[in-house]
Protein backbone atom coordinates (compact mmCIF):
# COMPACT_ATOMS: atom_id res chain seq x y z
CA MET A 1 8.55 -15.34 3.81
CA ILE A 2 5.65 -13.10 2.37
CA ASP A 3 5.27 -12.71 -1.44
CA LEU A 4 3.46 -9.32 -1.68
CA LEU A 5 3.94 -6.20 1.22
CA VAL A 6 2.75 -2.46 1.07
CA ILE A 7 3.68 -0.11 2.82
CA ALA A 8 0.83 2.83 3.47
CA PRO A 9 1.43 5.85 5.44
CA HIS A 10 -2.64 5.72 6.49
CA PRO A 11 -4.76 3.11 7.06
CA ASP A 12 -6.50 2.94 3.45
CA ASP A 13 -3.98 4.06 1.20
CA ALA A 14 -3.00 0.42 0.46
CA GLU A 15 -6.53 -0.49 -0.67
CA LEU A 16 -6.93 3.25 -2.50
CA GLY A 17 -3.74 2.64 -4.49
CA MET A 18 -2.84 -1.25 -4.62
CA GLY A 19 -6.02 -3.03 -3.51
CA GLY A 20 -6.52 -4.40 -7.06
CA ARG A 21 -2.89 -6.04 -7.40
CA LEU A 22 -3.18 -7.50 -3.49
CA ALA A 23 -6.40 -8.85 -4.37
CA ARG A 24 -5.07 -10.29 -7.55
CA ALA A 25 -2.05 -11.53 -6.03
CA LYS A 26 -4.29 -13.60 -3.31
CA ALA A 27 -5.87 -14.82 -5.97
CA GLN A 28 -3.17 -16.29 -7.23
CA GLY A 29 -2.09 -18.07 -4.38
CA HIS A 30 0.60 -15.41 -2.84
CA SER A 31 0.73 -14.36 0.59
CA THR A 32 0.24 -11.00 1.30
CA GLY A 33 0.31 -7.96 3.34
CA VAL A 34 0.35 -4.43 4.65
CA VAL A 35 2.18 -2.32 6.95
CA ASP A 36 0.14 0.99 8.34
CA LEU A 37 2.49 3.43 9.63
CA THR A 38 -0.03 5.36 11.16
CA ARG A 39 -3.51 5.34 12.85
CA GLY A 40 -4.79 7.92 10.26
CA GLU A 41 -6.14 9.87 13.85
CA ALA A 42 -5.12 13.54 12.02
CA ALA A 43 -8.01 12.98 9.21
CA THR A 44 -11.05 14.94 9.28
CA THR A 45 -13.14 12.26 9.80
CA GLY A 46 -13.03 8.84 11.69
CA THR A 47 -11.38 8.39 14.34
CA ALA A 48 -7.46 5.79 14.98
CA GLU A 49 -10.31 3.33 16.81
CA VAL A 50 -12.73 3.53 14.18
CA ARG A 51 -10.56 3.41 11.41
CA ALA A 52 -8.31 0.48 13.19
CA GLN A 53 -11.95 -1.56 12.86
CA GLU A 54 -12.23 -0.89 9.17
CA ALA A 55 -8.64 -1.25 8.37
CA GLU A 56 -9.33 -4.84 9.80
CA ARG A 57 -12.51 -5.31 7.47
CA ALA A 58 -10.46 -4.13 4.51
CA ALA A 59 -8.09 -7.02 5.34
CA GLN A 60 -10.23 -9.50 5.67
CA VAL A 61 -12.05 -8.43 2.81
CA LEU A 62 -8.92 -8.94 0.66
CA GLY A 63 -7.29 -12.02 2.17
CA LEU A 64 -3.92 -10.46 3.85
CA ASP A 65 -2.15 -12.75 5.61
CA VAL A 66 -0.47 -9.83 7.66
CA ARG A 67 -1.39 -6.36 8.49
CA ARG A 68 0.97 -4.53 11.01
CA ASN A 69 0.20 -0.54 12.44
CA LEU A 70 3.75 1.24 13.74
CA GLY A 71 1.54 3.72 15.27
CA TRP A 72 3.71 6.78 14.10
CA PRO A 73 2.03 9.98 14.67
CA ASP A 74 -0.68 10.74 11.51
CA SER A 75 0.90 14.30 9.71
CA ARG A 76 3.88 14.21 11.32
CA VAL A 77 6.48 11.03 9.77
CA MET A 78 9.54 12.29 9.54
CA ASP A 79 12.87 10.49 8.11
CA SER A 80 14.74 9.66 11.14
CA VAL A 81 17.35 7.00 12.27
CA ASP A 82 15.01 5.45 14.56
CA ARG A 83 11.75 5.35 12.08
CA ARG A 84 14.23 3.66 9.53
CA LEU A 85 15.61 1.22 11.98
CA GLN A 86 11.67 0.13 13.12
CA LEU A 87 10.53 -0.58 9.66
CA ALA A 88 14.06 -2.12 8.69
CA HIS A 89 13.34 -4.15 11.37
CA LEU A 90 10.17 -5.31 10.06
CA PHE A 91 11.16 -6.26 6.88
CA ARG A 92 13.68 -8.66 8.17
CA GLU A 93 10.39 -10.19 10.03
CA LEU A 94 8.06 -10.99 7.39
CA ARG A 95 11.27 -10.78 4.73
CA PRO A 96 9.08 -9.99 1.78
CA ALA A 97 9.42 -10.78 -1.45
CA VAL A 98 8.15 -7.67 -3.13
CA VAL A 99 8.12 -4.28 -1.61
CA ILE A 100 5.82 -1.53 -2.62
CA GLY A 101 5.56 1.75 -0.97
CA PRO A 102 4.08 5.32 -1.39
CA HIS A 103 5.62 7.55 -4.25
CA GLY A 104 7.28 10.33 -3.26
CA THR A 105 5.55 13.13 -5.36
CA ASP A 106 2.20 13.76 -3.61
CA ARG A 107 0.45 16.39 -1.62
CA HIS A 108 0.61 14.70 2.04
CA PRO A 109 3.70 15.25 3.76
CA ASP A 110 3.47 11.20 5.42
CA HIS A 111 3.86 10.11 1.84
CA ILE A 112 6.93 11.94 0.80
CA ALA A 113 8.76 10.95 4.06
CA ALA A 114 7.63 7.22 3.99
CA ALA A 115 8.80 7.48 0.17
CA HIS A 116 12.17 8.11 1.60
CA ILE A 117 12.10 5.80 4.50
CA VAL A 118 10.93 2.43 2.72
CA PRO A 119 13.93 2.44 0.84
CA ALA A 120 16.49 3.86 3.20
CA ALA A 121 14.88 0.88 5.75
CA LEU A 122 15.24 -2.26 2.92
CA HIS A 123 19.00 -0.64 2.52
CA LEU A 124 20.00 -1.21 6.39
CA ALA A 125 17.92 -4.43 6.53
CA GLY A 126 20.08 -5.83 4.14
CA LEU A 127 23.54 -4.88 5.96
CA ARG A 128 25.15 -7.00 8.38
CA ASN A 129 26.72 -4.67 10.64
CA THR A 130 23.69 -3.15 11.99
CA PRO A 131 21.91 -2.77 15.23
CA LEU A 132 19.48 -5.00 14.06
CA SER A 133 18.28 -8.45 15.25
CA GLY A 134 17.76 -11.23 12.64
CA GLU A 135 19.48 -12.49 9.77
CA PRO A 136 19.85 -9.53 6.43
CA PHE A 137 17.59 -8.95 3.87
CA LYS A 138 16.69 -7.72 0.75
CA PRO A 139 13.51 -8.06 -1.64
CA ARG A 140 13.33 -9.19 -5.22
CA ALA A 141 11.86 -5.55 -5.84
CA LEU A 142 10.77 -2.39 -4.99
CA PHE A 143 8.31 -0.39 -6.41
CA TYR A 144 6.18 2.81 -5.29
CA TYR A 145 2.31 3.41 -6.08
CA MET A 146 0.19 6.17 -7.06
CA GLY A 147 -1.05 8.33 -4.30
CA ASN A 148 -2.39 12.01 -4.98
CA GLU A 149 -0.16 13.03 -7.33
CA PRO A 150 0.30 11.42 -10.92
CA PHE A 151 4.16 9.90 -12.20
CA ASP A 152 5.13 8.55 -15.19
CA ALA A 153 4.47 4.69 -14.76
CA THR A 154 7.26 2.25 -15.16
CA LEU A 155 5.05 -1.29 -14.91
CA ILE A 156 0.84 -1.05 -14.77
CA VAL A 157 -0.87 -4.35 -13.11
CA ASP A 158 -4.10 -5.48 -15.21
CA VAL A 159 -6.27 -5.64 -12.16
CA SER A 160 -9.54 -6.15 -14.37
CA GLY A 161 -10.67 -9.26 -12.76
CA HIS A 162 -10.49 -7.59 -9.25
CA MET A 163 -12.07 -4.38 -8.86
CA ASP A 164 -15.22 -5.69 -7.27
CA THR A 165 -12.92 -6.96 -4.23
CA TRP A 166 -11.49 -3.20 -4.22
CA GLU A 167 -13.73 -1.83 -3.92
CA ALA A 168 -15.55 -3.61 -1.54
CA ALA A 169 -12.33 -3.05 -0.01
CA VAL A 170 -12.30 0.62 0.09
CA ARG A 171 -16.32 0.99 0.83
CA CYS A 172 -14.78 -0.58 3.87
CA TYR A 173 -13.58 2.98 5.17
CA GLY A 174 -16.77 4.24 5.52
CA SER A 175 -15.99 7.26 8.24
CA ARG A 176 -14.19 8.18 5.39
CA PHE A 177 -15.86 8.13 2.26
CA GLY A 178 -19.59 7.64 3.15
CA PRO A 179 -21.42 4.35 2.37
CA ALA A 180 -19.77 1.68 3.79
CA GLY A 181 -21.86 -1.45 2.60
CA PRO A 182 -22.40 -3.52 -0.59
CA ALA A 183 -26.00 -2.94 -0.10
CA ASP A 184 -25.59 0.94 -0.73
CA ASP A 185 -26.60 2.67 -3.90
CA ALA A 186 -24.47 5.37 -3.50
CA GLU A 187 -21.58 5.32 -5.05
CA PRO A 188 -18.78 6.88 -2.65
CA GLU A 189 -16.77 10.08 -4.66
CA VAL A 190 -13.48 8.17 -4.39
CA ILE A 191 -14.57 5.15 -5.80
CA ARG A 192 -15.42 6.77 -9.08
CA ARG A 193 -12.58 8.62 -9.46
CA ARG A 194 -10.11 5.71 -8.33
CA ARG A 195 -12.22 3.86 -10.99
CA GLY A 196 -11.69 6.48 -13.32
CA ARG A 197 -8.07 6.52 -13.15
CA ALA A 198 -7.54 2.79 -13.28
CA THR A 199 -9.56 3.11 -16.83
CA TYR A 200 -6.91 5.26 -17.54
CA TRP A 201 -3.87 3.57 -17.04
CA GLY A 202 -5.75 0.14 -18.14
CA SER A 203 -5.83 1.99 -21.40
CA PHE A 204 -2.33 1.79 -21.93
CA ILE A 205 -1.84 -2.23 -22.08
CA GLY A 206 -4.97 -2.66 -23.55
CA VAL A 207 -7.51 -3.88 -20.21
CA THR A 208 -10.06 -2.02 -18.49
CA TYR A 209 -8.01 -1.52 -15.21
CA GLY A 210 -4.81 -1.03 -14.40
CA GLU A 211 -2.68 0.21 -11.30
CA PRO A 212 0.41 2.22 -11.97
CA LEU A 213 3.76 1.52 -10.40
CA LEU A 214 6.78 2.94 -11.04
CA ALA A 215 10.28 1.54 -9.98
CA ARG A 216 13.51 3.12 -9.70
CA ARG A 217 15.65 0.08 -12.18
CA PRO A 218 14.18 -1.20 -15.56
CA VAL A 219 11.77 -3.93 -15.53
CA SER A 220 9.96 -6.37 -17.66
CA TYR A 221 7.39 -8.00 -15.63
CA PHE A 222 6.00 -7.65 -11.98
CA PRO A 223 8.26 -10.70 -9.81
CA LEU A 224 6.54 -13.00 -8.90
């Protein structure tokens, strides 16, 4: 069983949106994983091969126990029965206690599609009469993380002690964001902007940095 599993439409989405939460979970002794739905081959910068190498380096920085890539076509992710079943099978295999998927309010169609596929796949994973192998499975909770567009958060996680790890993981994607190593003096624009966003959300709970989450059902705490 994986304690915390983040679903990412593209390599780097999990790091950008939930890198602090993943780092905190690992520091607390939990097992963590990321499933990338695509290889990111349609991006303006970087190649699928380079991004795979960057994703592996970022996984090492975050100490992930599992990282998978489903190889769906970048910028052509569509909600379908086959996609739902493929992800549902992976949920049954990994049996994550908590799943965090991308929020559907986003400018990228892959994020929007993934936001529909994730809960549908979890529903299938919990049913006994499906064309899936393995035992039915349901996680403790499903959350959504923020991508390119804002939403009204229902839970904010304090990641103040883990932003250095978050930044190191994001910097692994040098083909996407510029300088890739800790020795580089330049701060990629995405790090400046995302750190500012984490400061904003942290202010609501009285901490330096926070990562926002949305739950479809009321919650009082993060169930790990």
